[in-house]
Amino acid sequence: MGSSDLAKQSSYRWLVWGIMAVAYLVVFFHRMAAGVVKDDLVTAFNISSTTFANLGAAYFYAYMLMQFPTGVLADTWGARKTVTAGMLLAAAGSIVFGYAPSVGWAFLGRLLVGIGVSVVFVCILKILDQWYRPQEFSTMSGVTSFIGNLGGLLAQTPLVFMVAVLTWRHTFAVIGVASLLIAILCYLIIRNTPGEMAAAGTVSTKAEKAPFLQSLVAVLTNPHTWPGFFVFAGFFGAYIAFSGTWGVSYMMDIYGLPKSAAANYPMVATLGLMLGSIAIGGISDRIRQRKMPMICFGICYLASWAVLVFVGGGKPPLGILYPLFFLMGFSCATFILSFAVAKEVNPPQLAGVSTSIVNTGGFLGAAVLPILMGVYFDRYGDVLTITSLYRNGFLIMFAAVSIAMFAILLVKETRCVNVWKK
């Protein structure tokens, strides 16, 4: 390959990654948006807290169920067609959601969005494997996570102002049109491998893959796979219950803040998660340990939930909430080490399947835990004070994080190398 081909390839990979990173930003936006428009949805469709929680969780159910099929699609269709189709589906879902005449149509729109955006992250990893050197893979994965979380920030205070100007219905329609444009750009820009640009060869070589069902069984029967599953389920599920579903309502109901101000508090947690995603992974790599950072930062995460539940009878002083929620988001990022551990305790050629299982755990937690809180609200809303309702609801999250902490104690220390043995 000539120097001009290498230069072109090196430059073009940033364009390929860049458009996919923009698509990933949309993934996070949809992930966090439901909590901000809760009151609008309840008013528009006259729904209960449980129904609202289920509406928000529809995204996560679809996302979770699509994890394994996405791997197959990425391997057969390739990232280009898979992401393009996914973003087209997400665009349609967002428009259906925005103009839904009933809650049933809203559920359909949310499901379509979840299915559509579920393919993006796995396809980004596939592109990184093909276009970037092995020693660049972890760095680019961390940067991708940071970019994605920017979408979570946009789904907080900026979304509140956008809804105030356009109404929630028109806002989601606009997001749908933007997703359509991104889908078109994905098809025009993405190339699955450098070889598709008529360059001879690729940056990385592909390892031979075992059959899908055989790979799945091998990973499922490895007991060291499962601690990461429960860590991600408990940590991420509790985080989504606050930042993505109930956090804005909590700040409005308990502290009497207007929505524009209330949205700032979950946004701080999102900022913490963004920075934690980069920092915790970097610390783990530098000290060449997985388990100890998970224990230390996991304790911080559990402590942040303990303050929210037990200090002030479920109403901590307003002045400590910004640092508290930043700590909550930052330390929640402990779960990113679950992916590294899953790869390192399983056969190297099954890294995709092993990380998919862990990823499924996170989205199972994100789907179930907010609903449990909604069911609790519906059952006891008439007999408990609003402060007691939130306190006891967050106590469920505290219990989930406690279970995840126990799972961390079962994590196998890998010293950042693959330790799998037959």
Protein backbone atom coordinates (compact mmCIF):
# COMPACT_ATOMS: atom_id res chain seq x y z
CA MET A 1 0.00 0.00 0.00
CA GLY A 2 1.43 3.37 -0.98
CA SER A 3 1.95 6.29 1.37
CA SER A 4 -0.86 8.24 -0.27
CA ASP A 5 -3.25 5.31 0.29
CA LEU A 6 -2.20 5.13 3.95
CA ALA A 7 -2.71 8.86 4.42
CA LYS A 8 -6.13 8.72 2.81
CA GLN A 9 -7.07 5.72 4.93
CA SER A 10 -5.84 7.38 8.12
CA SER A 11 -7.85 10.53 7.43
CA TYR A 12 -10.99 8.77 6.27
CA ARG A 13 -11.24 6.59 9.36
CA TRP A 14 -11.95 9.70 11.42
CA LEU A 15 -14.83 10.55 9.13
CA VAL A 16 -16.21 7.01 9.42
CA TRP A 17 -15.91 7.04 13.21
CA GLY A 18 -17.21 10.62 13.42
CA ILE A 19 -20.56 9.99 11.74
CA MET A 20 -21.05 6.86 13.83
CA ALA A 21 -20.22 8.83 16.98
CA VAL A 22 -22.94 11.32 16.02
CA ALA A 23 -25.34 8.40 15.65
CA TYR A 24 -24.27 7.19 19.10
CA LEU A 25 -25.05 10.63 20.51
CA VAL A 26 -28.63 10.13 19.29
CA VAL A 27 -28.67 6.75 21.09
CA PHE A 28 -28.00 8.41 24.44
CA PHE A 29 -30.41 11.25 23.75
CA HIS A 30 -33.31 8.84 23.33
CA ARG A 31 -32.11 6.81 26.30
CA MET A 32 -32.45 9.75 28.71
CA ALA A 33 -35.23 11.83 27.15
CA ALA A 34 -38.31 10.17 28.67
CA GLY A 35 -37.69 11.47 32.18
CA VAL A 36 -37.62 15.10 31.04
CA VAL A 37 -41.00 14.93 29.26
CA LYS A 38 -42.69 12.82 31.96
CA ASP A 39 -45.32 15.40 32.88
CA ASP A 40 -46.09 16.08 29.22
CA LEU A 41 -46.62 12.37 28.56
CA VAL A 42 -48.76 11.86 31.65
CA THR A 43 -50.94 14.81 30.66
CA ALA A 44 -51.18 13.88 26.97
CA PHE A 45 -52.11 10.23 27.53
CA ASN A 46 -53.55 10.31 31.09
CA ILE A 47 -51.31 7.48 32.22
CA SER A 48 -50.23 6.16 35.63
CA SER A 49 -46.70 6.11 37.01
CA THR A 50 -46.40 2.42 36.13
CA THR A 51 -47.49 3.03 32.54
CA PHE A 52 -45.04 5.91 32.22
CA ALA A 53 -42.22 3.76 33.58
CA ASN A 54 -43.14 1.01 31.11
CA LEU A 55 -43.19 3.55 28.29
CA GLY A 56 -39.68 4.64 29.19
CA ALA A 57 -38.57 1.02 29.59
CA ALA A 58 -39.86 -0.02 26.15
CA TYR A 59 -36.65 1.45 24.71
CA PHE A 60 -34.53 -0.69 27.03
CA TYR A 61 -36.46 -3.91 26.39
CA ALA A 62 -35.98 -3.48 22.65
CA TYR A 63 -32.32 -2.51 23.09
CA MET A 64 -31.66 -5.48 25.36
CA LEU A 65 -33.31 -8.06 23.10
CA MET A 66 -31.39 -6.77 20.07
CA GLN A 67 -27.90 -7.26 21.51
CA PHE A 68 -27.28 -10.77 20.16
CA PRO A 69 -29.00 -10.21 16.78
CA THR A 70 -26.96 -7.05 16.32
CA GLY A 71 -23.74 -9.05 16.39
CA VAL A 72 -25.08 -11.30 13.64
CA LEU A 73 -26.20 -8.31 11.56
CA ALA A 74 -22.84 -6.59 11.93
CA ASP A 75 -21.08 -9.75 10.75
CA THR A 76 -23.37 -10.42 7.78
CA TRP A 77 -24.67 -7.05 6.58
CA GLY A 78 -21.71 -5.08 7.86
CA ALA A 79 -21.73 -1.91 9.94
CA ARG A 80 -22.68 0.35 7.04
CA LYS A 81 -26.01 -1.26 6.19
CA THR A 82 -26.82 -2.18 9.79
CA VAL A 83 -26.38 1.33 11.20
CA THR A 84 -28.15 2.91 8.23
CA ALA A 85 -31.17 0.63 8.67
CA GLY A 86 -31.12 1.18 12.42
CA MET A 87 -31.11 4.96 12.16
CA LEU A 88 -33.93 4.86 9.58
CA LEU A 89 -35.98 2.80 12.01
CA ALA A 90 -35.11 5.17 14.87
CA ALA A 91 -36.16 8.15 12.74
CA ALA A 92 -39.54 6.55 12.03
CA GLY A 93 -39.97 5.64 15.69
CA SER A 94 -39.21 9.15 16.91
CA ILE A 95 -41.76 10.67 14.53
CA VAL A 96 -44.39 8.06 15.50
CA PHE A 97 -43.71 8.80 19.17
CA GLY A 98 -43.95 12.55 18.66
CA TYR A 99 -47.30 12.42 16.88
CA ALA A 100 -48.75 9.40 18.71
CA PRO A 101 -52.55 9.79 19.05
CA SER A 102 -52.66 7.29 21.92
CA VAL A 103 -50.36 5.63 24.42
CA GLY A 104 -50.33 2.48 22.26
CA TRP A 105 -48.80 4.42 19.38
CA ALA A 106 -46.33 5.99 21.81
CA PHE A 107 -45.24 2.50 22.89
CA LEU A 108 -44.79 1.52 19.24
CA GLY A 109 -42.66 4.59 18.57
CA ARG A 110 -40.51 3.96 21.62
CA LEU A 111 -39.99 0.32 20.62
CA LEU A 112 -38.98 1.29 17.08
CA VAL A 113 -36.48 3.79 18.46
CA GLY A 114 -35.03 1.18 20.83
CA ILE A 115 -34.65 -1.40 18.06
CA GLY A 116 -33.13 1.14 15.70
CA VAL A 117 -30.50 2.63 17.97
CA SER A 118 -29.59 -0.72 19.56
CA VAL A 119 -27.30 -1.60 16.65
CA VAL A 120 -25.03 1.44 16.82
CA PHE A 121 -22.59 0.62 19.62
CA VAL A 122 -21.74 -2.91 18.49
CA CYS A 123 -21.20 -1.63 14.96
CA ILE A 124 -18.89 1.10 16.25
CA LEU A 125 -16.77 -1.57 17.93
CA LYS A 126 -16.73 -3.47 14.65
CA ILE A 127 -15.53 -0.36 12.81
CA LEU A 128 -12.86 0.32 15.43
CA ASP A 129 -11.61 -3.24 14.98
CA GLN A 130 -11.31 -2.79 11.22
CA TRP A 131 -10.10 0.80 10.92
CA TYR A 132 -7.92 1.30 14.04
CA ARG A 133 -4.85 -0.42 15.39
CA PRO A 134 -5.29 -2.77 18.36
CA GLN A 135 -3.45 -0.36 20.67
CA GLU A 136 -5.93 2.38 19.72
CA PHE A 137 -9.05 0.32 20.39
CA SER A 138 -9.54 1.05 24.12
CA THR A 139 -8.77 4.74 23.71
CA MET A 140 -11.30 5.14 20.93
CA SER A 141 -13.88 3.13 22.86
CA GLY A 142 -13.53 5.55 25.78
CA VAL A 143 -13.81 8.59 23.53
CA THR A 144 -16.88 7.06 21.90
CA SER A 145 -18.51 6.60 25.30
CA PHE A 146 -17.75 10.22 26.16
CA ILE A 147 -19.33 11.44 22.91
CA GLY A 148 -22.37 9.27 23.45
CA ASN A 149 -22.92 10.71 26.89
CA LEU A 150 -23.03 14.18 25.37
CA GLY A 151 -26.36 13.03 24.00
CA GLY A 152 -27.43 12.32 27.57
CA LEU A 153 -26.54 15.89 28.49
CA LEU A 154 -28.57 17.21 25.55
CA ALA A 155 -31.53 15.21 26.86
CA GLN A 156 -31.54 17.21 30.09
CA THR A 157 -31.68 21.01 30.32
CA PRO A 158 -31.31 21.65 26.55
CA LEU A 159 -34.26 19.33 25.91
CA VAL A 160 -36.36 21.21 28.45
CA PHE A 161 -35.83 24.46 26.55
CA MET A 162 -36.42 22.79 23.20
CA VAL A 163 -39.73 21.35 24.43
CA ALA A 164 -40.72 24.76 25.80
CA VAL A 165 -40.20 26.31 22.36
CA LEU A 166 -41.48 23.54 20.07
CA THR A 167 -43.71 21.39 22.36
CA TRP A 168 -42.70 17.82 23.11
CA ARG A 169 -44.45 16.44 20.03
CA HIS A 170 -42.68 18.67 17.52
CA THR A 171 -39.40 18.16 19.37
CA PHE A 172 -39.42 14.41 18.80
CA ALA A 173 -40.47 14.92 15.18
CA VAL A 174 -37.45 17.19 14.67
CA ILE A 175 -35.23 14.55 16.26
CA GLY A 176 -36.71 12.02 13.84
CA VAL A 177 -35.83 14.19 10.85
CA ALA A 178 -32.29 14.65 12.21
CA SER A 179 -32.00 10.86 12.59
CA LEU A 180 -33.06 10.45 8.97
CA LEU A 181 -30.28 12.79 7.83
CA ILE A 182 -27.77 10.89 9.96
CA ALA A 183 -28.91 7.62 8.37
CA ILE A 184 -28.28 9.03 4.90
CA LEU A 185 -24.83 10.26 5.91
CA CYS A 186 -24.02 6.87 7.44
CA TYR A 187 -24.76 5.12 4.16
CA LEU A 188 -22.75 7.64 2.15
CA ILE A 189 -19.72 7.77 4.45
CA ILE A 190 -19.29 4.47 6.29
CA ARG A 191 -17.11 1.78 4.75
CA ASN A 192 -16.92 -1.51 6.62
CA THR A 193 -13.19 -1.93 5.99
CA PRO A 194 -10.38 0.12 4.48
CA GLY A 195 -10.42 -2.48 1.71
CA GLU A 196 -13.76 -1.09 0.51
CA MET A 197 -11.88 2.07 -0.47
CA ALA A 198 -9.89 -0.02 -2.95
CA ALA A 199 -6.94 -0.14 -0.58
CA ALA A 200 -5.06 -3.39 -0.42
CA GLY A 201 -5.62 -4.90 2.99
CA THR A 202 -7.00 -3.72 6.31
CA VAL A 203 -5.59 -2.23 9.44
CA SER A 204 -6.29 -5.27 11.56
CA THR A 205 -6.69 -8.95 10.85
CA LYS A 206 -9.80 -10.88 11.73
CA ALA A 207 -9.62 -13.85 14.02
CA GLU A 208 -11.57 -16.91 12.99
CA LYS A 209 -14.88 -16.95 14.84
CA ALA A 210 -16.60 -19.93 16.38
CA PRO A 211 -20.22 -20.69 15.43
CA PHE A 212 -22.63 -18.31 17.15
CA LEU A 213 -24.56 -20.85 19.27
CA GLN A 214 -21.38 -22.64 20.30
CA SER A 215 -19.84 -19.32 21.33
CA LEU A 216 -22.91 -18.34 23.31
CA VAL A 217 -22.98 -21.63 25.23
CA ALA A 218 -19.27 -21.39 26.04
CA VAL A 219 -19.64 -17.93 27.54
CA LEU A 220 -22.94 -18.64 29.31
CA THR A 221 -21.49 -21.66 31.11
CA ASN A 222 -18.44 -19.75 32.34
CA PRO A 223 -19.24 -18.68 35.94
CA HIS A 224 -16.78 -15.78 35.72
CA THR A 225 -18.94 -14.14 33.04
CA TRP A 226 -21.86 -13.47 35.37
CA PRO A 227 -20.53 -11.09 38.05
CA GLY A 228 -20.15 -8.40 35.39
CA PHE A 229 -23.72 -9.03 34.25
CA PHE A 230 -25.09 -8.24 37.72
CA VAL A 231 -22.72 -5.32 38.29
CA PHE A 232 -23.88 -3.62 35.10
CA ALA A 233 -27.54 -4.47 35.82
CA GLY A 234 -27.52 -2.97 39.31
CA PHE A 235 -25.29 0.04 38.69
CA PHE A 236 -26.69 1.14 35.35
CA GLY A 237 -30.30 0.27 36.20
CA ALA A 238 -30.23 2.45 39.31
CA TYR A 239 -28.52 5.26 37.41
CA ILE A 240 -31.18 5.21 34.69
CA ALA A 241 -33.95 5.11 37.28
CA PHE A 242 -32.66 8.43 38.61
CA SER A 243 -31.13 10.28 35.67
CA GLY A 244 -33.33 8.93 32.92
CA THR A 245 -36.73 8.48 34.57
CA TRP A 246 -37.39 9.90 38.05
CA GLY A 247 -34.64 12.44 38.74
CA VAL A 248 -36.31 15.54 37.28
CA SER A 249 -39.63 14.71 38.95
CA TYR A 250 -37.83 14.14 42.26
CA MET A 251 -36.24 17.57 42.20
CA MET A 252 -39.55 19.21 41.27
CA ASP A 253 -41.72 17.32 43.77
CA ILE A 254 -39.37 17.29 46.76
CA TYR A 255 -37.55 20.62 46.39
CA GLY A 256 -40.18 22.58 44.47
CA LEU A 257 -37.83 23.49 41.62
CA PRO A 258 -39.11 24.47 38.17
CA LYS A 259 -38.43 21.91 35.46
CA SER A 260 -35.65 23.95 33.85
CA ALA A 261 -33.74 24.05 37.14
CA ALA A 262 -34.62 20.49 38.16
CA ALA A 263 -33.15 19.10 34.93
CA ASN A 264 -29.72 20.48 35.86
CA TYR A 265 -29.30 17.94 38.67
CA PRO A 266 -29.57 14.74 36.61
CA MET A 267 -27.41 16.52 34.02
CA VAL A 268 -24.62 16.77 36.62
CA ALA A 269 -24.86 13.01 37.14
CA THR A 270 -24.53 12.53 33.39
CA LEU A 271 -21.45 14.76 33.35
CA GLY A 272 -19.98 12.66 36.14
CA LEU A 273 -20.60 9.47 34.17
CA MET A 274 -18.90 10.97 31.12
CA LEU A 275 -15.74 11.83 33.03
CA GLY A 276 -15.83 8.63 35.05
CA SER A 277 -16.00 6.53 31.90
CA ILE A 278 -12.60 7.85 30.84
CA ALA A 279 -10.98 8.13 34.28
CA ILE A 280 -11.88 4.77 35.83
CA GLY A 281 -10.85 2.80 32.76
CA GLY A 282 -7.57 4.72 32.63
CA ILE A 283 -6.83 4.10 36.30
CA SER A 284 -7.53 0.39 35.90
CA ASP A 285 -5.19 0.12 32.91
CA ARG A 286 -2.42 2.08 34.64
CA ILE A 287 -2.40 0.01 37.84
CA ARG A 288 -3.15 -3.18 35.89
CA GLN A 289 -6.00 -4.22 38.15
CA ARG A 290 -9.72 -4.63 37.58
CA LYS A 291 -11.22 -5.77 40.87
CA MET A 292 -9.72 -3.21 43.26
CA PRO A 293 -10.90 -0.15 41.27
CA MET A 294 -14.33 -1.76 41.01
CA ILE A 295 -14.47 -2.19 44.77
CA CYS A 296 -13.23 1.33 45.58
CA PHE A 297 -15.42 3.22 43.13
CA GLY A 298 -18.32 0.84 43.73
CA ILE A 299 -18.26 1.75 47.43
CA CYS A 300 -18.45 5.42 46.42
CA TYR A 301 -21.48 4.68 44.25
CA LEU A 302 -23.23 2.78 47.03
CA ALA A 303 -22.44 5.62 49.46
CA SER A 304 -24.00 8.20 47.13
CA TRP A 305 -27.25 6.24 47.10
CA ALA A 306 -27.07 5.85 50.89
CA VAL A 307 -26.90 9.64 51.27
CA LEU A 308 -29.87 10.11 48.95
CA VAL A 309 -31.97 7.56 50.86
CA PHE A 310 -30.96 8.02 54.49
CA VAL A 311 -29.86 11.64 54.97
CA GLY A 312 -32.65 14.04 55.91
CA GLY A 313 -35.26 11.31 55.74
CA GLY A 314 -34.93 11.11 51.97
CA LYS A 315 -34.45 14.85 51.48
CA PRO A 316 -30.74 15.71 51.74
CA PRO A 317 -29.81 19.41 51.88
CA LEU A 318 -30.17 21.00 48.46
CA GLY A 319 -26.64 22.43 48.69
CA ILE A 320 -24.97 19.00 48.63
CA LEU A 321 -26.91 17.60 45.69
CA TYR A 322 -24.69 18.86 42.88
CA PRO A 323 -21.53 17.18 44.28
CA LEU A 324 -23.58 14.16 45.36
CA PHE A 325 -25.03 13.57 41.91
CA PHE A 326 -21.67 14.17 40.25
CA LEU A 327 -20.16 11.51 42.52
CA MET A 328 -23.09 9.22 41.73
CA GLY A 329 -22.51 9.50 37.99
CA PHE A 330 -18.71 9.37 38.19
CA SER A 331 -18.58 6.27 40.40
CA CYS A 332 -21.39 4.56 38.47
CA ALA A 333 -18.92 4.33 35.57
CA THR A 334 -17.33 1.48 37.52
CA PHE A 335 -19.47 -0.78 35.36
CA ILE A 336 -17.27 -0.12 32.31
CA LEU A 337 -14.67 -2.46 33.81
CA SER A 338 -17.24 -5.26 33.61
CA PHE A 339 -16.74 -5.36 29.84
CA ALA A 340 -12.97 -5.69 30.18
CA VAL A 341 -13.33 -8.47 32.74
CA ALA A 342 -15.85 -10.33 30.57
CA LYS A 343 -13.40 -10.28 27.65
CA GLU A 344 -10.47 -11.35 29.83
CA VAL A 345 -12.14 -14.36 31.49
CA ASN A 346 -13.42 -15.83 28.22
CA PRO A 347 -11.71 -17.11 25.04
CA PRO A 348 -10.28 -14.15 23.11
CA GLN A 349 -12.20 -15.04 19.96
CA LEU A 350 -15.49 -14.79 21.92
CA ALA A 351 -15.00 -11.23 23.15
CA GLY A 352 -18.06 -10.01 21.27
CA VAL A 353 -20.40 -12.59 22.76
CA SER A 354 -19.03 -12.16 26.29
CA THR A 355 -19.44 -8.38 26.26
CA SER A 356 -22.90 -8.73 24.72
CA ILE A 357 -24.03 -10.77 27.73
CA VAL A 358 -22.77 -8.11 30.13
CA ASN A 359 -24.44 -5.43 28.03
CA THR A 360 -27.73 -7.32 28.21
CA GLY A 361 -27.54 -7.18 32.01
CA GLY A 362 -27.27 -3.41 32.03
CA PHE A 363 -30.29 -2.90 29.86
CA LEU A 364 -32.29 -5.49 31.78
CA GLY A 365 -31.64 -3.46 34.92
CA ALA A 366 -32.48 -0.24 33.11
CA ALA A 367 -35.79 -1.73 31.96
CA VAL A 368 -36.86 -3.32 35.25
CA LEU A 369 -35.73 -1.00 38.07
CA PRO A 370 -37.59 2.16 36.95
CA ILE A 371 -40.74 0.07 36.56
CA LEU A 372 -40.41 -1.30 40.09
CA MET A 373 -40.30 2.27 41.33
CA GLY A 374 -43.36 3.17 39.24
CA VAL A 375 -45.32 0.19 40.59
CA TYR A 376 -44.43 1.26 44.13
CA PHE A 377 -45.64 4.79 43.43
CA ASP A 378 -48.97 3.54 42.08
CA ARG A 379 -49.52 1.20 45.00
CA TYR A 380 -48.63 3.53 47.86
CA GLY A 381 -49.14 6.97 46.32
CA ASP A 382 -52.38 7.53 48.21
CA VAL A 383 -51.09 6.50 51.65
CA LEU A 384 -47.55 7.90 51.86
CA THR A 385 -46.13 11.39 51.68
CA ILE A 386 -44.31 12.32 48.49
CA THR A 387 -40.97 12.35 50.35
CA SER A 388 -41.57 8.84 51.71
CA LEU A 389 -42.54 7.63 48.26
CA TYR A 390 -39.29 8.79 46.70
CA ARG A 391 -37.23 7.65 49.67
CA ASN A 392 -38.64 4.13 49.57
CA GLY A 393 -38.46 4.03 45.78
CA PHE A 394 -34.79 4.97 45.89
CA LEU A 395 -34.33 2.37 48.62
CA ILE A 396 -35.11 -0.22 45.94
CA MET A 397 -32.25 1.25 43.89
CA PHE A 398 -29.97 1.13 46.94
CA ALA A 399 -30.77 -2.57 47.34
CA ALA A 400 -29.98 -3.21 43.66
CA VAL A 401 -26.63 -1.44 43.97
CA SER A 402 -25.89 -3.45 47.13
CA ILE A 403 -26.44 -6.70 45.20
CA ALA A 404 -24.15 -5.39 42.46
CA MET A 405 -21.48 -4.64 45.07
CA PHE A 406 -21.67 -8.24 46.26
CA ALA A 407 -21.21 -9.32 42.63
CA ILE A 408 -18.03 -7.22 42.47
CA LEU A 409 -16.60 -9.34 45.27
CA LEU A 410 -17.03 -12.36 42.99
CA VAL A 411 -15.18 -10.76 40.06
CA LYS A 412 -12.05 -12.62 39.00
CA GLU A 413 -8.95 -10.41 39.00
CA THR A 414 -7.32 -10.61 35.58
CA ARG A 415 -4.44 -8.13 35.92
CA CYS A 416 -5.61 -6.74 32.56
CA VAL A 417 -4.68 -9.87 30.61
CA ASN A 418 -6.73 -12.77 29.28
CA VAL A 419 -6.80 -15.51 31.93
CA TRP A 420 -9.15 -17.98 30.27
CA LYS A 421 -8.15 -21.64 30.36
CA LYS A 422 -9.95 -24.67 28.98
